[in-house]
N, C-alpha and C. Protein backbone atom coordinates (compact mmCIF):
# COMPACT_ATOMS: atom_id res chain seq x y z
N MET A 1 71.93 191.00 28.11
CA MET A 1 71.57 189.63 28.40
C MET A 1 72.01 189.24 29.82
N VAL A 2 73.24 189.59 30.20
CA VAL A 2 73.73 189.25 31.54
C VAL A 2 72.89 189.94 32.61
N ARG A 3 72.53 191.20 32.37
CA ARG A 3 71.75 191.95 33.36
C ARG A 3 70.39 191.31 33.63
N ASN A 4 69.83 190.64 32.65
CA ASN A 4 68.50 190.06 32.78
C ASN A 4 68.50 188.59 33.18
N ALA A 5 69.67 188.01 33.35
CA ALA A 5 69.75 186.59 33.70
C ALA A 5 69.25 186.35 35.12
N ASP A 6 68.57 185.24 35.33
CA ASP A 6 68.14 184.87 36.67
C ASP A 6 69.31 184.31 37.48
N VAL A 7 70.24 183.63 36.78
CA VAL A 7 71.39 183.01 37.44
C VAL A 7 72.64 183.23 36.59
N LEU A 8 73.72 183.62 37.25
CA LEU A 8 75.03 183.69 36.59
C LEU A 8 75.94 182.68 37.27
N TRP A 9 76.70 181.94 36.47
CA TRP A 9 77.63 180.94 36.98
C TRP A 9 79.04 181.37 36.59
N LEU A 10 79.88 181.63 37.59
CA LEU A 10 81.29 181.93 37.35
C LEU A 10 82.06 180.67 37.68
N ALA A 11 82.54 179.99 36.67
CA ALA A 11 83.16 178.67 36.82
C ALA A 11 84.59 178.76 37.33
N GLY A 12 85.21 177.61 37.45
CA GLY A 12 86.60 177.53 37.87
C GLY A 12 87.54 177.72 36.69
N GLY A 13 88.82 177.60 36.97
CA GLY A 13 89.84 177.78 35.94
C GLY A 13 90.94 178.68 36.45
N ASP A 14 91.60 179.38 35.55
CA ASP A 14 92.66 180.31 35.94
C ASP A 14 92.01 181.63 36.36
N THR A 15 92.17 181.98 37.62
CA THR A 15 91.46 183.11 38.22
C THR A 15 91.76 184.44 37.53
N PRO A 16 93.04 184.86 37.42
CA PRO A 16 93.31 186.14 36.76
C PRO A 16 92.87 186.17 35.29
N THR A 17 93.00 185.04 34.60
CA THR A 17 92.57 184.99 33.20
C THR A 17 91.06 185.18 33.09
N GLN A 18 90.31 184.54 33.99
CA GLN A 18 88.86 184.70 33.99
C GLN A 18 88.50 186.17 34.19
N PHE A 19 89.15 186.83 35.15
CA PHE A 19 88.84 188.23 35.42
C PHE A 19 89.20 189.10 34.22
N ALA A 20 90.32 188.81 33.58
CA ALA A 20 90.73 189.58 32.39
C ALA A 20 89.69 189.45 31.27
N TYR A 21 89.13 188.26 31.10
CA TYR A 21 88.08 188.07 30.09
C TYR A 21 86.83 188.86 30.46
N LEU A 22 86.45 188.83 31.73
CA LEU A 22 85.28 189.60 32.16
C LEU A 22 85.48 191.08 31.85
N GLU A 23 86.71 191.58 32.11
CA GLU A 23 87.03 192.98 31.81
C GLU A 23 86.99 193.24 30.31
N SER A 24 87.63 192.39 29.53
CA SER A 24 87.76 192.64 28.09
C SER A 24 86.40 192.62 27.37
N TYR A 25 85.46 191.84 27.89
CA TYR A 25 84.13 191.80 27.30
C TYR A 25 83.18 192.83 27.90
N GLY A 26 83.68 193.66 28.82
CA GLY A 26 82.86 194.70 29.43
C GLY A 26 81.77 194.16 30.34
N LEU A 27 81.99 192.99 30.92
CA LEU A 27 80.96 192.35 31.74
C LEU A 27 80.97 192.76 33.21
N ILE A 28 82.02 193.38 33.67
CA ILE A 28 82.12 193.67 35.10
C ILE A 28 80.99 194.58 35.58
N PRO A 29 80.70 195.70 34.91
CA PRO A 29 79.57 196.52 35.38
C PRO A 29 78.24 195.76 35.35
N CYS A 30 78.04 194.94 34.33
CA CYS A 30 76.81 194.15 34.23
C CYS A 30 76.67 193.17 35.39
N ILE A 31 77.77 192.51 35.73
CA ILE A 31 77.74 191.54 36.83
C ILE A 31 77.50 192.26 38.15
N ARG A 32 78.16 193.38 38.35
CA ARG A 32 77.98 194.14 39.60
C ARG A 32 76.54 194.63 39.77
N GLU A 33 75.84 194.89 38.68
CA GLU A 33 74.46 195.39 38.73
C GLU A 33 73.44 194.26 38.69
N GLN A 34 73.88 193.04 38.50
CA GLN A 34 73.00 191.89 38.33
C GLN A 34 72.16 191.68 39.58
N LYS A 35 70.86 191.43 39.41
CA LYS A 35 69.94 191.28 40.54
C LYS A 35 69.61 189.82 40.85
N GLY A 36 69.98 188.90 39.99
CA GLY A 36 69.66 187.50 40.21
C GLY A 36 70.70 186.81 41.08
N VAL A 37 70.71 185.52 41.05
CA VAL A 37 71.65 184.70 41.82
C VAL A 37 72.97 184.62 41.06
N ILE A 38 74.07 184.79 41.80
CA ILE A 38 75.40 184.63 41.21
C ILE A 38 76.11 183.52 41.98
N ILE A 39 76.59 182.52 41.25
CA ILE A 39 77.26 181.38 41.85
C ILE A 39 78.71 181.38 41.37
N GLY A 40 79.63 181.28 42.31
CA GLY A 40 81.04 181.19 41.95
C GLY A 40 81.63 179.89 42.44
N MET A 41 82.35 179.21 41.57
CA MET A 41 83.02 177.96 41.93
C MET A 41 84.51 178.15 41.72
N SER A 42 85.30 177.88 42.73
CA SER A 42 86.75 177.94 42.63
C SER A 42 87.20 179.32 42.17
N ALA A 43 87.76 179.45 40.98
CA ALA A 43 88.22 180.76 40.49
C ALA A 43 87.08 181.76 40.48
N GLY A 44 85.89 181.31 40.14
CA GLY A 44 84.73 182.20 40.13
C GLY A 44 84.43 182.76 41.50
N SER A 45 84.62 181.95 42.55
CA SER A 45 84.37 182.45 43.91
C SER A 45 85.42 183.48 44.31
N ILE A 46 86.66 183.28 43.89
CA ILE A 46 87.71 184.26 44.18
C ILE A 46 87.39 185.58 43.48
N ASN A 47 86.95 185.51 42.24
CA ASN A 47 86.65 186.74 41.49
C ASN A 47 85.39 187.45 41.96
N MET A 48 84.55 186.79 42.73
CA MET A 48 83.37 187.45 43.28
C MET A 48 83.72 188.39 44.43
N THR A 49 84.88 188.24 45.01
CA THR A 49 85.25 188.98 46.21
C THR A 49 85.69 190.41 45.90
N LYS A 50 85.81 191.20 46.96
CA LYS A 50 86.30 192.57 46.81
C LYS A 50 87.78 192.56 46.42
N THR A 51 88.55 191.73 47.11
CA THR A 51 89.98 191.60 46.83
C THR A 51 90.28 190.15 46.50
N ALA A 52 90.66 189.90 45.25
CA ALA A 52 91.03 188.54 44.85
C ALA A 52 92.43 188.25 45.35
N VAL A 53 92.57 187.15 46.07
CA VAL A 53 93.88 186.70 46.57
C VAL A 53 94.13 185.33 45.95
N CYS A 54 95.01 185.31 44.96
CA CYS A 54 95.34 184.08 44.23
C CYS A 54 96.64 183.53 44.81
N THR A 55 96.54 182.45 45.57
CA THR A 55 97.68 181.93 46.32
C THR A 55 98.36 180.77 45.62
N LEU A 56 99.60 180.54 45.99
CA LEU A 56 100.32 179.35 45.55
C LEU A 56 99.66 178.11 46.14
N THR A 57 99.14 178.25 47.36
CA THR A 57 98.46 177.15 48.03
C THR A 57 97.30 176.63 47.18
N CYS A 58 96.64 177.54 46.48
CA CYS A 58 95.49 177.18 45.63
C CYS A 58 95.94 176.92 44.19
N GLU A 59 97.23 176.61 44.04
CA GLU A 59 97.83 176.17 42.78
C GLU A 59 97.90 177.24 41.69
N HIS A 60 97.98 178.51 42.08
CA HIS A 60 98.27 179.56 41.12
C HIS A 60 99.78 179.58 40.88
N ASP A 61 100.19 180.06 39.72
CA ASP A 61 101.62 180.09 39.37
C ASP A 61 102.41 181.06 40.23
N GLU A 62 101.74 182.12 40.68
CA GLU A 62 102.39 183.11 41.54
C GLU A 62 101.31 183.78 42.38
N LEU A 63 101.72 184.40 43.46
CA LEU A 63 100.78 185.13 44.30
C LEU A 63 100.34 186.37 43.54
N LYS A 64 99.03 186.52 43.36
CA LYS A 64 98.47 187.71 42.73
C LYS A 64 97.33 188.22 43.59
N ILE A 65 97.31 189.52 43.80
CA ILE A 65 96.25 190.16 44.57
C ILE A 65 95.75 191.34 43.74
N TYR A 66 94.43 191.41 43.53
CA TYR A 66 93.88 192.50 42.73
C TYR A 66 92.44 192.77 43.15
N GLU A 67 91.96 193.98 42.79
CA GLU A 67 90.57 194.33 43.05
C GLU A 67 89.70 193.53 42.09
N ALA A 68 88.74 192.81 42.66
CA ALA A 68 87.88 191.94 41.84
C ALA A 68 86.47 192.54 41.74
N LEU A 69 85.46 191.70 41.64
CA LEU A 69 84.10 192.17 41.40
C LEU A 69 83.48 192.91 42.58
N GLY A 70 83.89 192.56 43.80
CA GLY A 70 83.34 193.25 44.97
C GLY A 70 81.91 192.88 45.30
N LEU A 71 81.50 191.67 44.95
CA LEU A 71 80.14 191.24 45.27
C LEU A 71 80.00 190.88 46.74
N VAL A 72 81.10 190.49 47.36
CA VAL A 72 81.16 190.25 48.80
C VAL A 72 82.40 190.96 49.34
N GLU A 73 82.37 191.31 50.61
CA GLU A 73 83.44 192.11 51.20
C GLU A 73 84.66 191.30 51.62
N PHE A 74 84.55 189.99 51.66
CA PHE A 74 85.65 189.15 52.14
C PHE A 74 86.35 188.45 50.99
N SER A 75 87.56 187.95 51.25
CA SER A 75 88.31 187.16 50.27
C SER A 75 88.16 185.68 50.61
N VAL A 76 88.35 184.82 49.61
CA VAL A 76 88.18 183.38 49.84
C VAL A 76 89.39 182.59 49.34
N GLU A 77 89.56 181.44 49.96
CA GLU A 77 90.56 180.45 49.55
C GLU A 77 89.79 179.15 49.29
N PRO A 78 89.39 178.88 48.01
CA PRO A 78 88.68 177.64 47.72
C PRO A 78 89.63 176.44 47.82
N HIS A 79 89.05 175.27 47.93
CA HIS A 79 89.81 174.02 48.03
C HIS A 79 90.68 174.01 49.29
N PHE A 80 90.23 174.69 50.33
CA PHE A 80 91.00 174.79 51.57
C PHE A 80 91.14 173.41 52.19
N ASP A 81 92.35 173.09 52.61
CA ASP A 81 92.64 171.81 53.26
C ASP A 81 92.91 172.08 54.73
N LYS A 82 91.93 171.77 55.57
CA LYS A 82 92.05 172.07 57.00
C LYS A 82 93.16 171.26 57.67
N TYR A 83 93.67 170.25 57.00
CA TYR A 83 94.75 169.44 57.56
C TYR A 83 96.13 169.86 57.05
N ASN A 84 96.16 170.83 56.15
CA ASN A 84 97.42 171.29 55.58
C ASN A 84 97.37 172.82 55.42
N ILE A 85 97.44 173.50 56.53
CA ILE A 85 97.37 174.97 56.53
C ILE A 85 98.78 175.50 56.30
N THR A 86 98.97 176.17 55.18
CA THR A 86 100.31 176.58 54.77
C THR A 86 100.74 177.88 55.45
N LYS A 87 102.05 178.05 55.55
CA LYS A 87 102.61 179.30 56.07
C LYS A 87 102.20 180.48 55.20
N GLU A 88 102.10 180.23 53.89
CA GLU A 88 101.68 181.29 52.97
C GLU A 88 100.33 181.87 53.38
N LEU A 89 99.35 181.00 53.64
CA LEU A 89 98.01 181.47 54.02
C LEU A 89 98.04 182.24 55.33
N LEU A 90 98.80 181.74 56.29
CA LEU A 90 98.88 182.42 57.58
C LEU A 90 99.51 183.79 57.43
N MET A 91 100.54 183.92 56.60
CA MET A 91 101.20 185.22 56.37
C MET A 91 100.25 186.18 55.64
N ILE A 92 99.61 185.71 54.58
CA ILE A 92 98.69 186.56 53.82
C ILE A 92 97.55 187.04 54.69
N SER A 93 97.08 186.19 55.60
CA SER A 93 95.93 186.53 56.43
C SER A 93 96.21 187.68 57.38
N ARG A 94 97.46 188.04 57.56
CA ARG A 94 97.78 189.19 58.41
C ARG A 94 97.33 190.49 57.76
N LYS A 95 97.28 190.52 56.43
CA LYS A 95 96.82 191.71 55.71
C LYS A 95 95.45 191.49 55.07
N TYR A 96 95.22 190.26 54.60
CA TYR A 96 93.97 189.93 53.91
C TYR A 96 93.31 188.74 54.60
N PRO A 97 92.35 188.96 55.48
CA PRO A 97 91.63 187.82 56.06
C PRO A 97 90.95 187.02 54.94
N LEU A 98 90.95 185.72 55.09
CA LEU A 98 90.40 184.82 54.07
C LEU A 98 89.37 183.89 54.68
N HIS A 99 88.38 183.53 53.90
CA HIS A 99 87.49 182.44 54.27
C HIS A 99 87.97 181.20 53.50
N GLY A 100 88.50 180.22 54.22
CA GLY A 100 88.93 178.97 53.61
C GLY A 100 87.72 178.07 53.43
N ILE A 101 87.41 177.75 52.19
CA ILE A 101 86.24 176.92 51.90
C ILE A 101 86.73 175.54 51.46
N CYS A 102 86.44 174.53 52.29
CA CYS A 102 86.80 173.15 51.93
C CYS A 102 85.92 172.70 50.77
N ASP A 103 86.32 171.65 50.10
CA ASP A 103 85.58 171.20 48.91
C ASP A 103 84.15 170.78 49.21
N ASP A 104 83.83 170.50 50.47
CA ASP A 104 82.45 170.17 50.83
C ASP A 104 81.70 171.38 51.36
N GLY A 105 82.29 172.56 51.26
CA GLY A 105 81.71 173.75 51.87
C GLY A 105 81.21 174.77 50.87
N ALA A 106 80.47 175.73 51.41
CA ALA A 106 79.96 176.84 50.61
C ALA A 106 79.61 178.00 51.53
N ILE A 107 79.61 179.19 50.97
CA ILE A 107 79.15 180.38 51.67
C ILE A 107 77.99 180.93 50.86
N ILE A 108 76.88 181.20 51.53
CA ILE A 108 75.71 181.77 50.87
C ILE A 108 75.47 183.15 51.45
N CYS A 109 75.50 184.15 50.58
CA CYS A 109 75.30 185.54 51.01
C CYS A 109 74.03 186.08 50.36
N THR A 110 73.19 186.68 51.17
CA THR A 110 72.04 187.42 50.66
C THR A 110 72.23 188.87 51.08
N ASN A 111 71.25 189.69 50.77
CA ASN A 111 71.38 191.11 51.12
C ASN A 111 71.58 191.34 52.61
N ASP A 112 71.00 190.46 53.44
CA ASP A 112 71.05 190.72 54.87
C ASP A 112 71.62 189.59 55.71
N SER A 113 72.15 188.55 55.09
CA SER A 113 72.71 187.47 55.91
C SER A 113 73.78 186.68 55.16
N THR A 114 74.60 186.01 55.95
CA THR A 114 75.62 185.11 55.42
C THR A 114 75.48 183.79 56.16
N SER A 115 75.44 182.68 55.42
CA SER A 115 75.38 181.37 56.06
C SER A 115 76.45 180.47 55.46
N TYR A 116 76.81 179.46 56.22
CA TYR A 116 77.91 178.57 55.84
C TYR A 116 77.40 177.14 55.78
N ILE A 117 77.85 176.42 54.77
CA ILE A 117 77.51 175.01 54.60
C ILE A 117 78.81 174.22 54.61
N GLY A 118 78.85 173.13 55.35
CA GLY A 118 80.06 172.30 55.39
C GLY A 118 81.19 172.99 56.12
N ASP A 119 82.41 172.64 55.76
CA ASP A 119 83.59 173.17 56.44
C ASP A 119 84.06 174.47 55.80
N VAL A 120 83.92 175.55 56.56
CA VAL A 120 84.40 176.87 56.16
C VAL A 120 85.16 177.44 57.36
N PHE A 121 86.33 178.01 57.10
CA PHE A 121 87.19 178.52 58.16
C PHE A 121 87.56 179.97 57.89
N LEU A 122 87.67 180.75 58.96
CA LEU A 122 88.19 182.11 58.86
C LEU A 122 89.69 182.04 59.15
N ILE A 123 90.48 182.55 58.23
CA ILE A 123 91.94 182.62 58.40
C ILE A 123 92.24 184.11 58.54
N ASP A 124 92.57 184.52 59.75
CA ASP A 124 92.71 185.95 60.04
C ASP A 124 93.85 186.17 61.03
N ARG A 125 94.77 187.05 60.66
CA ARG A 125 95.91 187.42 61.51
C ARG A 125 96.69 186.19 61.99
N GLY A 126 96.84 185.22 61.10
CA GLY A 126 97.64 184.04 61.41
C GLY A 126 96.91 182.97 62.20
N HIS A 127 95.62 183.14 62.43
CA HIS A 127 94.83 182.16 63.18
C HIS A 127 93.73 181.59 62.30
N VAL A 128 93.38 180.33 62.55
CA VAL A 128 92.34 179.66 61.77
C VAL A 128 91.23 179.25 62.72
N THR A 129 89.98 179.65 62.38
CA THR A 129 88.82 179.36 63.21
C THR A 129 87.70 178.86 62.32
N ARG A 130 87.05 177.78 62.73
CA ARG A 130 85.89 177.29 61.97
C ARG A 130 84.73 178.24 62.19
N VAL A 131 84.01 178.54 61.09
CA VAL A 131 82.84 179.42 61.21
C VAL A 131 81.56 178.63 61.02
């Protein structure tokens, strides 16, 4: 059923718990092979990435980093607050570059292009740049 869906929605919530459920139901291979549109919101957007980075800044209980779905090559920080850039994010970005997506922002990836809507920032090697 998942393989044949035109659209998959990965909602918000607890990021590691969501990924654990996807694993336990055997959905990860199906999602990776899915040919339709996949939309991730908050935790769902983190789990769409190659490397999930669950930060304290994004209100996780502890810093967790794990291999996620790998639908995109970059990691994301949803609910990014461009006026409150934490030391945690700057430190993490030295090893894991992040795309900080403000609540009015989005990243749209197709097979051959990436576009940005609203406020999206690259946090890389301790520096923050609007993309």
